[in-house]
PDB file of all heavy atoms in Angstrom:
ATOM      1  N   GLY A   1      12.745 -87.523 -95.897  1.00  0.00           N
ATOM      2  CA  GLY A   1      11.810 -86.712 -95.123  1.00  0.00           C
ATOM      3  C   GLY A   1      10.457 -86.607 -95.813  1.00  0.00           C
ATOM      4  O   GLY A   1       9.415 -86.616 -95.156  1.00  0.00           O
ATOM      5  N   ALA A   2      10.471 -86.507 -97.150  1.00  0.00           N
ATOM      6  CA  ALA A   2       9.219 -86.448 -97.910  1.00  0.00           C
ATOM      7  C   ALA A   2       8.445 -87.752 -97.762  1.00  0.00           C
ATOM      8  O   ALA A   2       7.216 -87.754 -97.603  1.00  0.00           O
ATOM      9  CB  ALA A   2       9.511 -86.155 -99.381  1.00  0.00           C
ATOM     10  N   CYS A   3       9.164 -88.878 -97.809  1.00  0.00           N
ATOM     11  CA  CYS A   3       8.519 -90.187 -97.651  1.00  0.00           C
ATOM     12  C   CYS A   3       7.875 -90.301 -96.267  1.00  0.00           C
ATOM     13  O   CYS A   3       6.740 -90.797 -96.137  1.00  0.00           O
ATOM     14  CB  CYS A   3       9.542 -91.300 -97.849  1.00  0.00           C
ATOM     15  SG  CYS A   3      10.175 -91.441 -99.537  1.00  0.00           S
ATOM     16  N   ASP A   4       8.590 -89.871 -95.238  1.00  0.00           N
ATOM     17  CA  ASP A   4       8.041 -89.905 -93.876  1.00  0.00           C
ATOM     18  C   ASP A   4       6.776 -89.054 -93.774  1.00  0.00           C
ATOM     19  O   ASP A   4       5.788 -89.454 -93.157  1.00  0.00           O
ATOM     20  CB  ASP A   4       9.085 -89.396 -92.870  1.00  0.00           C
ATOM     21  CG  ASP A   4      10.159 -90.422 -92.565  1.00  0.00           C
ATOM     22  OD1 ASP A   4       9.924 -91.620 -92.814  1.00  0.00           O
ATOM     23  OD2 ASP A   4      11.238 -90.025 -92.085  1.00  0.00           O
ATOM     24  N   PHE A   5       6.810 -87.863 -94.368  1.00  0.00           N
ATOM     25  CA  PHE A   5       5.650 -86.961 -94.327  1.00  0.00           C
ATOM     26  C   PHE A   5       4.431 -87.622 -94.976  1.00  0.00           C
ATOM     27  O   PHE A   5       3.320 -87.568 -94.439  1.00  0.00           O
ATOM     28  CB  PHE A   5       5.980 -85.652 -95.036  1.00  0.00           C
ATOM     29  CG  PHE A   5       4.836 -84.667 -95.040  1.00  0.00           C
ATOM     30  CD1 PHE A   5       4.673 -83.773 -93.998  1.00  0.00           C
ATOM     31  CD2 PHE A   5       3.922 -84.651 -96.088  1.00  0.00           C
ATOM     32  CE1 PHE A   5       3.604 -82.876 -93.991  1.00  0.00           C
ATOM     33  CE2 PHE A   5       2.863 -83.759 -96.095  1.00  0.00           C
ATOM     34  CZ  PHE A   5       2.706 -82.868 -95.050  1.00  0.00           C
ATOM     35  N   ILE A   6       4.626 -88.243 -96.136  1.00  0.00           N
ATOM     36  CA  ILE A   6       3.511 -88.895 -96.838  1.00  0.00           C
ATOM     37  C   ILE A   6       2.937 -90.024 -95.998  1.00  0.00           C
ATOM     38  O   ILE A   6       1.715 -90.157 -95.856  1.00  0.00           O
ATOM     39  CB  ILE A   6       3.970 -89.422 -98.212  1.00  0.00           C
ATOM     40  CG1 ILE A   6       4.392 -88.255 -99.109  1.00  0.00           C
ATOM     41  CG2 ILE A   6       2.848 -90.224 -98.880  1.00  0.00           C
ATOM     42  CD1 ILE A   6       5.126 -88.683-100.368  1.00  0.00           C
ATOM     43  N   ASN A   7       3.813 -90.846 -95.420  1.00  0.00           N
ATOM     44  CA  ASN A   7       3.333 -91.966 -94.607  1.00  0.00           C
ATOM     45  C   ASN A   7       2.568 -91.499 -93.377  1.00  0.00           C
ATOM     46  O   ASN A   7       1.607 -92.151 -92.948  1.00  0.00           O
ATOM     47  CB  ASN A   7       4.512 -92.858 -94.194  1.00  0.00           C
ATOM     48  CG  ASN A   7       4.906 -93.832 -95.281  1.00  0.00           C
ATOM     49  OD1 ASN A   7       4.078 -94.238 -96.095  1.00  0.00           O
ATOM     50  ND2 ASN A   7       6.173 -94.210 -95.313  1.00  0.00           N
ATOM     51  N   ARG A   8       2.972 -90.371 -92.802  1.00  0.00           N
ATOM     52  CA  ARG A   8       2.271 -89.833 -91.630  1.00  0.00           C
ATOM     53  C   ARG A   8       0.938 -89.190 -92.011  1.00  0.00           C
ATOM     54  O   ARG A   8      -0.026 -89.227 -91.243  1.00  0.00           O
ATOM     55  CB  ARG A   8       3.125 -88.780 -90.916  1.00  0.00           C
ATOM     56  CG  ARG A   8       4.320 -89.299 -90.172  1.00  0.00           C
ATOM     57  CD  ARG A   8       4.861 -88.240 -89.207  1.00  0.00           C
ATOM     58  NE  ARG A   8       5.042 -86.935 -89.839  1.00  0.00           N
ATOM     59  CZ  ARG A   8       6.170 -86.527 -90.412  1.00  0.00           C
ATOM     60  NH1 ARG A   8       7.213 -87.340 -90.431  1.00  0.00           N
ATOM     61  NH2 ARG A   8       6.264 -85.318 -90.944  1.00  0.00           N
ATOM     62  N   THR A   9       0.897 -88.598 -93.199  1.00  0.00           N
ATOM     63  CA  THR A   9      -0.229 -87.742 -93.561  1.00  0.00           C
ATOM     64  C   THR A   9      -1.334 -88.473 -94.317  1.00  0.00           C
ATOM     65  O   THR A   9      -2.528 -88.250 -94.053  1.00  0.00           O
ATOM     66  CB  THR A   9       0.265 -86.555 -94.425  1.00  0.00           C
ATOM     67  OG1 THR A   9       1.337 -85.895 -93.739  1.00  0.00           O
ATOM     68  CG2 THR A   9      -0.853 -85.556 -94.674  1.00  0.00           C
ATOM     69  N   ILE A  10      -0.971 -89.322 -95.257  1.00  0.00           N
ATOM     70  CA  ILE A  10      -1.960 -90.037 -96.075  1.00  0.00           C
ATOM     71  C   ILE A  10      -2.261 -91.372 -95.409  1.00  0.00           C
ATOM     72  O   ILE A  10      -1.419 -92.269 -95.387  1.00  0.00           O
ATOM     73  CB  ILE A  10      -1.437 -90.261 -97.510  1.00  0.00           C
ATOM     74  CG1 ILE A  10      -1.014 -88.948 -98.145  1.00  0.00           C
ATOM     75  CG2 ILE A  10      -2.508 -90.949 -98.360  1.00  0.00           C
ATOM     76  CD1 ILE A  10      -2.132 -87.993 -98.438  1.00  0.00           C
ATOM     77  N   LYS A  11      -3.446 -91.491 -94.848  1.00  0.00           N
ATOM     78  CA  LYS A  11      -3.789 -92.685 -94.068  1.00  0.00           C
ATOM     79  C   LYS A  11      -4.239 -93.847 -94.947  1.00  0.00           C
ATOM     80  O   LYS A  11      -3.869 -94.992 -94.712  1.00  0.00           O
ATOM     81  CB  LYS A  11      -4.898 -92.350 -93.058  1.00  0.00           C
ATOM     82  CG  LYS A  11      -4.519 -91.242 -92.075  1.00  0.00           C
ATOM     83  CD  LYS A  11      -3.256 -91.578 -91.300  1.00  0.00           C
ATOM     84  CE  LYS A  11      -2.888 -90.473 -90.316  1.00  0.00           C
ATOM     85  NZ  LYS A  11      -1.606 -90.756 -89.644  1.00  0.00           N
ATOM     86  N   ARG A  12      -5.079 -93.562 -95.948  1.00  0.00           N
ATOM     87  CA  ARG A  12      -5.561 -94.626 -96.821  1.00  0.00           C
ATOM     88  C   ARG A  12      -4.591 -94.823 -97.979  1.00  0.00           C
ATOM     89  O   ARG A  12      -3.883 -93.900 -98.383  1.00  0.00           O
ATOM     90  CB  ARG A  12      -6.954 -94.283 -97.362  1.00  0.00           C
ATOM     91  CG  ARG A  12      -7.988 -94.093 -96.263  1.00  0.00           C
ATOM     92  CD  ARG A  12      -9.356 -93.808 -96.838  1.00  0.00           C
ATOM     93  NE  ARG A  12      -9.885 -94.959 -97.552  1.00  0.00           N
ATOM     94  CZ  ARG A  12     -11.054 -94.965 -98.181  1.00  0.00           C
ATOM     95  NH1 ARG A  12     -11.798 -93.862 -98.213  1.00  0.00           N
ATOM     96  NH2 ARG A  12     -11.483 -96.041 -98.804  1.00  0.00           N
ATOM     97  N   LYS A  13      -4.592 -96.022 -98.526  1.00  0.00           N
ATOM     98  CA  LYS A  13      -3.668 -96.332 -99.613  1.00  0.00           C
ATOM     99  C   LYS A  13      -3.889 -95.401-100.786  1.00  0.00           C
ATOM    100  O   LYS A  13      -5.011 -95.165-101.217  1.00  0.00           O
ATOM    101  CB  LYS A  13      -3.834 -97.786-100.063  1.00  0.00           C
ATOM    102  CG  LYS A  13      -2.794 -98.204-101.093  1.00  0.00           C
ATOM    103  CD  LYS A  13      -2.838 -99.684-101.360  1.00  0.00           C
ATOM    104  CE  LYS A  13      -1.733-100.075-102.340  1.00  0.00           C
ATOM    105  NZ  LYS A  13      -1.706-101.525-102.591  1.00  0.00           N
ATOM    106  N   ALA A  14      -2.797 -94.851-101.324  1.00  0.00           N
ATOM    107  CA  ALA A  14      -2.858 -93.899-102.428  1.00  0.00           C
ATOM    108  C   ALA A  14      -1.863 -94.303-103.511  1.00  0.00           C
ATOM    109  O   ALA A  14      -1.008 -95.169-103.308  1.00  0.00           O
ATOM    110  CB  ALA A  14      -2.553 -92.486-101.935  1.00  0.00           C
ATOM    111  N   LEU A  15      -2.015 -93.657-104.662  1.00  0.00           N
ATOM    112  CA  LEU A  15      -1.037 -93.800-105.742  1.00  0.00           C
ATOM    113  C   LEU A  15      -0.136 -92.571-105.687  1.00  0.00           C
ATOM    114  O   LEU A  15      -0.600 -91.448-105.888  1.00  0.00           O
ATOM    115  CB  LEU A  15      -1.749 -93.892-107.094  1.00  0.00           C
ATOM    116  CG  LEU A  15      -0.864 -93.926-108.339  1.00  0.00           C
ATOM    117  CD1 LEU A  15       0.105 -95.105-108.303  1.00  0.00           C
ATOM    118  CD2 LEU A  15      -1.721 -93.979-109.604  1.00  0.00           C
ATOM    119  N   VAL A  16       1.133 -92.785-105.375  1.00  0.00           N
ATOM    120  CA  VAL A  16       2.080 -91.683-105.195  1.00  0.00           C
ATOM    121  C   VAL A  16       3.036 -91.611-106.380  1.00  0.00           C
ATOM    122  O   VAL A  16       3.701 -92.597-106.716  1.00  0.00           O
ATOM    123  CB  VAL A  16       2.892 -91.859-103.891  1.00  0.00           C
ATOM    124  CG1 VAL A  16       3.927 -90.738-103.760  1.00  0.00           C
ATOM    125  CG2 VAL A  16       1.973 -91.877-102.685  1.00  0.00           C
ATOM    126  N   PHE A  17       3.082 -90.443-107.018  1.00  0.00           N
ATOM    127  CA  PHE A  17       4.082 -90.172-108.055  1.00  0.00           C
ATOM    128  C   PHE A  17       5.163 -89.302-107.425  1.00  0.00           C
ATOM    129  O   PHE A  17       4.888 -88.188-106.991  1.00  0.00           O
ATOM    130  CB  PHE A  17       3.460 -89.449-109.246  1.00  0.00           C
ATOM    131  CG  PHE A  17       2.516 -90.279-110.059  1.00  0.00           C
ATOM    132  CD1 PHE A  17       1.154 -90.271-109.796  1.00  0.00           C
ATOM    133  CD2 PHE A  17       2.982 -91.083-111.084  1.00  0.00           C
ATOM    134  CE1 PHE A  17       0.279 -91.037-110.539  1.00  0.00           C
ATOM    135  CE2 PHE A  17       2.117 -91.858-111.838  1.00  0.00           C
ATOM    136  CZ  PHE A  17       0.757 -91.833-111.569  1.00  0.00           C
ATOM    137  N   MET A  18       6.381 -89.817-107.369  1.00  0.00           N
ATOM    138  CA  MET A  18       7.509 -89.064-106.832  1.00  0.00           C
ATOM    139  C   MET A  18       8.305 -88.507-108.006  1.00  0.00           C
ATOM    140  O   MET A  18       8.936 -89.261-108.756  1.00  0.00           O
ATOM    141  CB  MET A  18       8.389 -89.973-105.970  1.00  0.00           C
ATOM    142  CG  MET A  18       9.612 -89.317-105.382  1.00  0.00           C
ATOM    143  SD  MET A  18       9.266 -88.280-103.951  1.00  0.00           S
ATOM    144  CE  MET A  18       8.897 -89.518-102.685  1.00  0.00           C
ATOM    145  N   LEU A  19       8.251 -87.183-108.186  1.00  0.00           N
ATOM    146  CA  LEU A  19       8.971 -86.530-109.277  1.00  0.00           C
ATOM    147  C   LEU A  19      10.194 -85.826-108.703  1.00  0.00           C
ATOM    148  O   LEU A  19      10.082 -84.872-107.931  1.00  0.00           O
ATOM    149  CB  LEU A  19       8.073 -85.512-109.987  1.00  0.00           C
ATOM    150  CG  LEU A  19       6.922 -86.075-110.817  1.00  0.00           C
ATOM    151  CD1 LEU A  19       5.666 -86.249-109.969  1.00  0.00           C
ATOM    152  CD2 LEU A  19       6.608 -85.159-112.004  1.00  0.00           C
ATOM    153  N   SER A  20      11.385 -86.308-109.087  1.00  0.00           N
ATOM    154  CA  SER A  20      12.626 -85.791-108.525  1.00  0.00           C
ATOM    155  C   SER A  20      13.776 -86.157-109.446  1.00  0.00           C
ATOM    156  O   SER A  20      13.625 -87.003-110.341  1.00  0.00           O
ATOM    157  CB  SER A  20      12.843 -86.387-107.126  1.00  0.00           C
ATOM    158  OG  SER A  20      14.103 -86.000-106.590  1.00  0.00           O
ATOM    159  N   ASP A  21      14.939 -85.511-109.242  1.00  0.00           N
ATOM    160  CA  ASP A  21      16.137 -85.982-109.942  1.00  0.00           C
ATOM    161  C   ASP A  21      16.830 -87.074-109.130  1.00  0.00           C
ATOM    162  O   ASP A  21      17.775 -87.694-109.600  1.00  0.00           O
ATOM    163  CB  ASP A  21      17.105 -84.826-110.235  1.00  0.00           C
ATOM    164  CG  ASP A  21      17.442 -84.009-108.990  1.00  0.00           C
ATOM    165  OD1 ASP A  21      17.200 -84.485-107.864  1.00  0.00           O
ATOM    166  OD2 ASP A  21      17.940 -82.877-109.154  1.00  0.00           O
ATOM    167  N   PHE A  22      16.356 -87.293-107.903  1.00  0.00           N
ATOM    168  CA  PHE A  22      16.867 -88.330-106.999  1.00  0.00           C
ATOM    169  C   PHE A  22      18.357 -88.173-106.729  1.00  0.00           C
ATOM    170  O   PHE A  22      19.072 -89.157-106.499  1.00  0.00           O
ATOM    171  CB  PHE A  22      16.539 -89.739-107.537  1.00  0.00           C
ATOM    172  CG  PHE A  22      15.062 -90.031-107.529  1.00  0.00           C
ATOM    173  CD1 PHE A  22      14.294 -89.802-108.662  1.00  0.00           C
ATOM    174  CD2 PHE A  22      14.431 -90.488-106.386  1.00  0.00           C
ATOM    175  CE1 PHE A  22      12.929 -90.044-108.658  1.00  0.00           C
ATOM    176  CE2 PHE A  22      13.066 -90.731-106.363  1.00  0.00           C
ATOM    177  CZ  PHE A  22      12.307 -90.514-107.500  1.00  0.00           C
ATOM    178  N   VAL A  23      18.825 -86.916-106.777  1.00  0.00           N
ATOM    179  CA  VAL A  23      20.212 -86.629-106.388  1.00  0.00           C
ATOM    180  C   VAL A  23      20.204 -86.378-104.883  1.00  0.00           C
ATOM    181  O   VAL A  23      20.066 -85.253-104.405  1.00  0.00           O
ATOM    182  CB  VAL A  23      20.767 -85.417-107.161  1.00  0.00           C
ATOM    183  CG1 VAL A  23      22.216 -85.141-106.741  1.00  0.00           C
ATOM    184  CG2 VAL A  23      20.696 -85.661-108.662  1.00  0.00           C
ATOM    185  N   ASP A  24      20.332 -87.448-104.134  1.00  0.00           N
ATOM    186  CA  ASP A  24      20.241 -87.402-102.670  1.00  0.00           C
ATOM    187  C   ASP A  24      20.865 -88.683-102.135  1.00  0.00           C
ATOM    188  O   ASP A  24      21.125 -89.626-102.895  1.00  0.00           O
ATOM    189  CB  ASP A  24      18.770 -87.273-102.258  1.00  0.00           C
ATOM    190  CG  ASP A  24      18.596 -86.952-100.779  1.00  0.00           C
ATOM    191  OD1 ASP A  24      19.588 -86.557-100.146  1.00  0.00           O
ATOM    192  OD2 ASP A  24      17.478 -87.105-100.256  1.00  0.00           O
ATOM    193  N   ASN A  25      21.090 -88.738-100.851  1.00  0.00           N
ATOM    194  CA  ASN A  25      21.688 -89.926-100.239  1.00  0.00           C
ATOM    195  C   ASN A  25      20.807 -90.444 -99.106  1.00  0.00           C
ATOM    196  O   ASN A  25      20.055 -89.684 -98.484  1.00  0.00           O
ATOM    197  CB  ASN A  25      23.074 -89.591 -99.665  1.00  0.00           C
ATOM    198  CG  ASN A  25      24.060 -89.174-100.748  1.00  0.00           C
ATOM    199  OD1 ASN A  25      24.223 -89.878-101.736  1.00  0.00           O
ATOM    200  ND2 ASN A  25      24.694 -88.030-100.570  1.00  0.00           N
ATOM    201  N   GLY A  26      20.898 -91.738 -98.866  1.00  0.00           N
ATOM    202  CA  GLY A  26      20.281 -92.331 -97.690  1.00  0.00           C
ATOM    203  C   GLY A  26      18.763 -92.380 -97.688  1.00  0.00           C
ATOM    204  O   GLY A  26      18.160 -92.386 -96.617  1.00  0.00           O
ATOM    205  N   PHE A  27      18.149 -92.406 -98.863  1.00  0.00           N
ATOM    206  CA  PHE A  27      16.683 -92.391 -98.907  1.00  0.00           C
ATOM    207  C   PHE A  27      16.074 -93.706 -99.384  1.00  0.00           C
ATOM    208  O   PHE A  27      14.849 -93.867 -99.346  1.00  0.00           O
ATOM    209  CB  PHE A  27      16.190 -91.260 -99.816  1.00  0.00           C
ATOM    210  CG  PHE A  27      16.546 -91.441-101.273  1.00  0.00           C
ATOM    211  CD1 PHE A  27      15.716 -92.149-102.124  1.00  0.00           C
ATOM    212  CD2 PHE A  27      17.714 -90.893-101.780  1.00  0.00           C
ATOM    213  CE1 PHE A  27      16.047 -92.316-103.464  1.00  0.00           C
ATOM    214  CE2 PHE A  27      18.043 -91.056-103.122  1.00  0.00           C
ATOM    215  CZ  PHE A  27      17.208 -91.771-103.962  1.00  0.00           C
ATOM    216  N   HIS A  28      16.889 -94.652 -99.846  1.00  0.00           N
ATOM    217  CA  HIS A  28      16.358 -95.862-100.470  1.00  0.00           C
ATOM    218  C   HIS A  28      15.415 -96.641 -99.545  1.00  0.00           C
ATOM    219  O   HIS A  28      14.329 -97.069 -99.956  1.00  0.00           O
ATOM    220  CB  HIS A  28      17.504 -96.776-100.927  1.00  0.00           C
ATOM    221  CG  HIS A  28      18.298 -96.197-102.056  1.00  0.00           C
ATOM    222  ND1 HIS A  28      19.473 -96.761-102.509  1.00  0.00           N
ATOM    223  CD2 HIS A  28      18.098 -95.089-102.830  1.00  0.00           C
ATOM    224  CE1 HIS A  28      19.962 -96.043-103.504  1.00  0.00           C
ATOM    225  NE2 HIS A  28      19.147 -95.019-103.710  1.00  0.00           N
ATOM    226  N   LYS A  29      15.814 -96.820 -98.306  1.00  0.00           N
ATOM    227  CA  LYS A  29      14.992 -97.599 -97.366  1.00  0.00           C
ATOM    228  C   LYS A  29      13.665 -96.898 -97.090  1.00  0.00           C
ATOM    229  O   LYS A  29      12.607 -97.543 -97.019  1.00  0.00           O
ATOM    230  CB  LYS A  29      15.763 -97.815 -96.050  1.00  0.00           C
ATOM    231  CG  LYS A  29      15.112 -98.840 -95.135  1.00  0.00           C
ATOM    232  CD  LYS A  29      16.020 -99.154 -93.957  1.00  0.00           C
ATOM    233  CE  LYS A  29      15.370-100.198 -93.047  1.00  0.00           C
ATOM    234  NZ  LYS A  29      16.243-100.524 -91.888  1.00  0.00           N
ATOM    235  N   LYS A  30      13.687 -95.585 -96.930  1.00  0.00           N
ATOM    236  CA  LYS A  30      12.454 -94.827 -96.679  1.00  0.00           C
ATOM    237  C   LYS A  30      11.521 -94.894 -97.889  1.00  0.00           C
ATOM    238  O   LYS A  30      10.291 -94.964 -97.745  1.00  0.00           O
ATOM    239  CB  LYS A  30      12.779 -93.364 -96.367  1.00  0.00           C
ATOM    240  CG  LYS A  30      13.508 -93.154 -95.054  1.00  0.00           C
ATOM    241  CD  LYS A  30      12.585 -93.373 -93.864  1.00  0.00           C
ATOM    242  CE  LYS A  30      13.269 -92.978 -92.564  1.00  0.00           C
ATOM    243  NZ  LYS A  30      12.395 -93.141 -91.387  1.00  0.00           N
ATOM    244  N   LEU A  31      12.109 -94.868 -99.091  1.00  0.00           N
ATOM    245  CA  LEU A  31      11.310 -94.993-100.308  1.00  0.00           C
ATOM    246  C   LEU A  31      10.663 -96.375-100.368  1.00  0.00           C
ATOM    247  O   LEU A  31       9.509 -96.518-100.788  1.00  0.00           O
ATOM    248  CB  LEU A  31      12.191 -94.759-101.538  1.00  0.00           C
ATOM    249  CG  LEU A  31      11.468 -94.562-102.878  1.00  0.00           C
ATOM    250  CD1 LEU A  31      10.594 -93.316-102.852  1.00  0.00           C
ATOM    251  CD2 LEU A  31      12.487 -94.471-104.019  1.00  0.00           C
ATOM    252  N   GLY A  32      11.403 -97.388 -99.915  1.00  0.00           N
ATOM    253  CA  GLY A  32      10.847 -98.739 -99.853  1.00  0.00           C
ATOM    254  C   GLY A  32       9.692 -98.835 -98.877  1.00  0.00           C
ATOM    255  O   GLY A  32       8.674 -99.480 -99.151  1.00  0.00           O
ATOM    256  N   THR A  33       9.829 -98.186 -97.717  1.00  0.00           N
ATOM    257  CA  THR A  33       8.739 -98.162 -96.730  1.00  0.00           C
ATOM    258  C   THR A  33       7.503 -97.484 -97.310  1.00  0.00           C
ATOM    259  O   THR A  33       6.371 -97.931 -97.108  1.00  0.00           O
ATOM    260  CB  THR A  33       9.190 -97.425 -95.456  1.00  0.00           C
ATOM    261  OG1 THR A  33      10.347 -98.073 -94.930  1.00  0.00           O
ATOM    262  CG2 THR A  33       8.093 -97.423 -94.407  1.00  0.00           C
ATOM    263  N   LEU A  34       7.720 -96.399 -98.044  1.00  0.00           N
ATOM    264  CA  LEU A  34       6.606 -95.703 -98.693  1.00  0.00           C
ATOM    265  C   LEU A  34       5.901 -96.626 -99.678  1.00  0.00           C
ATOM    266  O   LEU A  34       4.665 -96.680 -99.717  1.00  0.00           O
ATOM    267  CB  LEU A  34       7.131 -94.461 -99.426  1.00  0.00           C
ATOM    268  CG  LEU A  34       6.092 -93.667-100.231  1.00  0.00           C
ATOM    269  CD1 LEU A  34       5.093 -92.990 -99.304  1.00  0.00           C
ATOM    270  CD2 LEU A  34       6.776 -92.626-101.122  1.00  0.00           C
ATOM    271  N   SER A  35       6.671 -97.370-100.461  1.00  0.00           N
ATOM    272  CA  SER A  35       6.083 -98.236-101.488  1.00  0.00           C
ATOM    273  C   SER A  35       5.316 -99.405-100.886  1.00  0.00           C
ATOM    274  O   SER A  35       4.443 -99.986-101.532  1.00  0.00           O
ATOM    275  CB  SER A  35       7.178 -98.769-102.425  1.00  0.00           C
ATOM    276  OG  SER A  35       7.990 -99.724-101.758  1.00  0.00           O
ATOM    277  N   GLN A  36       5.635 -99.767 -99.637  1.00  0.00           N
ATOM    278  CA  GLN A  36       4.897-100.841 -98.970  1.00  0.00           C
ATOM    279  C   GLN A  36       3.517-100.377 -98.517  1.00  0.00           C
ATOM    280  O   GLN A  36       2.568-101.158 -98.468  1.00  0.00           O
ATOM    281  CB  GLN A  36       5.703-101.363 -97.777  1.00  0.00           C
ATOM    282  CG  GLN A  36       6.947-102.145 -98.187  1.00  0.00           C
ATOM    283  CD  GLN A  36       7.886-102.404 -97.023  1.00  0.00           C
ATOM    284  OE1 GLN A  36       7.634-101.991 -95.891  1.00  0.00           O
ATOM    285  NE2 GLN A  36       8.988-103.084 -97.293  1.00  0.00           N
ATOM    286  N   LYS A  37       3.400 -99.095 -98.205  1.00  0.00           N
ATOM    287  CA  LYS A  37       2.119 -98.552 -97.746  1.00  0.00           C
ATOM    288  C   LYS A  37       1.298 -97.986 -98.894  1.00  0.00           C
ATOM    289  O   LYS A  37       0.071 -98.114 -98.932  1.00  0.00           O
ATOM    290  CB  LYS A  37       2.365 -97.462 -96.699  1.00  0.00           C
ATOM    291  CG  LYS A  37       1.077 -96.913 -96.096  1.00  0.00           C
ATOM    292  CD  LYS A  37       1.357 -95.923 -94.973  1.00  0.00           C
ATOM    293  CE  LYS A  37       0.060 -95.390 -94.384  1.00  0.00           C
ATOM    294  NZ  LYS A  37       0.294 -94.401 -93.312  1.00  0.00           N
ATOM    295  N   HIS A  38       1.971 -97.325 -99.839  1.00  0.00           N
ATOM    296  CA  HIS A  38       1.291 -96.700-100.976  1.00  0.00           C
ATOM    297  C   HIS A  38       1.904 -97.198-102.276  1.00  0.00           C
ATOM    298  O   HIS A  38       3.107 -97.439-102.353  1.00  0.00           O
ATOM    299  CB  HIS A  38       1.414 -95.180-100.915  1.00  0.00           C
ATOM    300  CG  HIS A  38       0.864 -94.570 -99.657  1.00  0.00           C
ATOM    301  ND1 HIS A  38      -0.479 -94.534 -99.377  1.00  0.00           N
ATOM    302  CD2 HIS A  38       1.486 -93.985 -98.604  1.00  0.00           C
ATOM    303  CE1 HIS A  38      -0.672 -93.942 -98.205  1.00  0.00           C
ATOM    304  NE2 HIS A  38       0.508 -93.602 -97.718  1.00  0.00           N
ATOM    305  N   GLU A  39       1.067 -97.323-103.297  1.00  0.00           N
ATOM    306  CA  GLU A  39       1.580 -97.672-104.617  1.00  0.00           C
ATOM    307  C   GLU A  39       2.429 -96.500-105.101  1.00  0.00           C
ATOM    308  O   GLU A  39       1.939 -95.374-105.189  1.00  0.00           O
ATOM    309  CB  GLU A  39       0.408 -97.921-105.567  1.00  0.00           C
ATOM    310  CG  GLU A  39       0.783 -98.732-106.780  1.00  0.00           C
ATOM    311  CD  GLU A  39      -0.448 -99.186-107.556  1.00  0.00           C
ATOM    312  OE1 GLU A  39      -1.571 -99.012-107.047  1.00  0.00           O
ATOM    313  OE2 GLU A  39      -0.264 -99.690-108.658  1.00  0.00           O
ATOM    314  N   THR A  40       3.693 -96.761-105.408  1.00  0.00           N
ATOM    315  CA  THR A  40       4.632 -95.678-105.673  1.00  0.00           C
ATOM    316  C   THR A  40       5.252 -95.796-107.060  1.00  0.00           C
ATOM    317  O   THR A  40       5.692 -96.876-107.462  1.00  0.00           O
ATOM    318  CB  THR A  40       5.753 -95.666-104.614  1.00  0.00           C
ATOM    319  OG1 THR A  40       5.156 -95.583-103.306  1.00  0.00           O
ATOM    320  CG2 THR A  40       6.689 -94.489-104.810  1.00  0.00           C
ATOM    321  N   ILE A  41       5.268 -94.681-107.781  1.00  0.00           N
ATOM    322  CA  ILE A  41       5.914 -94.616-109.091  1.00  0.00           C
ATOM    323  C   ILE A  41       6.942 -93.490-109.047  1.00  0.00           C
ATOM    324  O   ILE A  41       6.634 -92.373-108.639  1.00  0.00           O
ATOM    325  CB  ILE A  41       4.893 -94.350-110.211  1.00  0.00           C
ATOM    326  CG1 ILE A  41       3.896 -95.523-110.317  1.00  0.00           C
ATOM    327  CG2 ILE A  41       5.594 -94.140-111.552  1.00  0.00           C
ATOM    328  CD1 ILE A  41       2.773 -95.282-111.304  1.00  0.00           C
TER     329      ILE A  41
END
């Protein structure tokens, strides 16, 4: 959901730092979509 929000909200290419413990399920593909639009770390 966070990845979707960023893709909808940030129009120009940005550098995104995702700080999380990544204890979640089913987010890998959305994270990949985010990294295609924005440089993601």
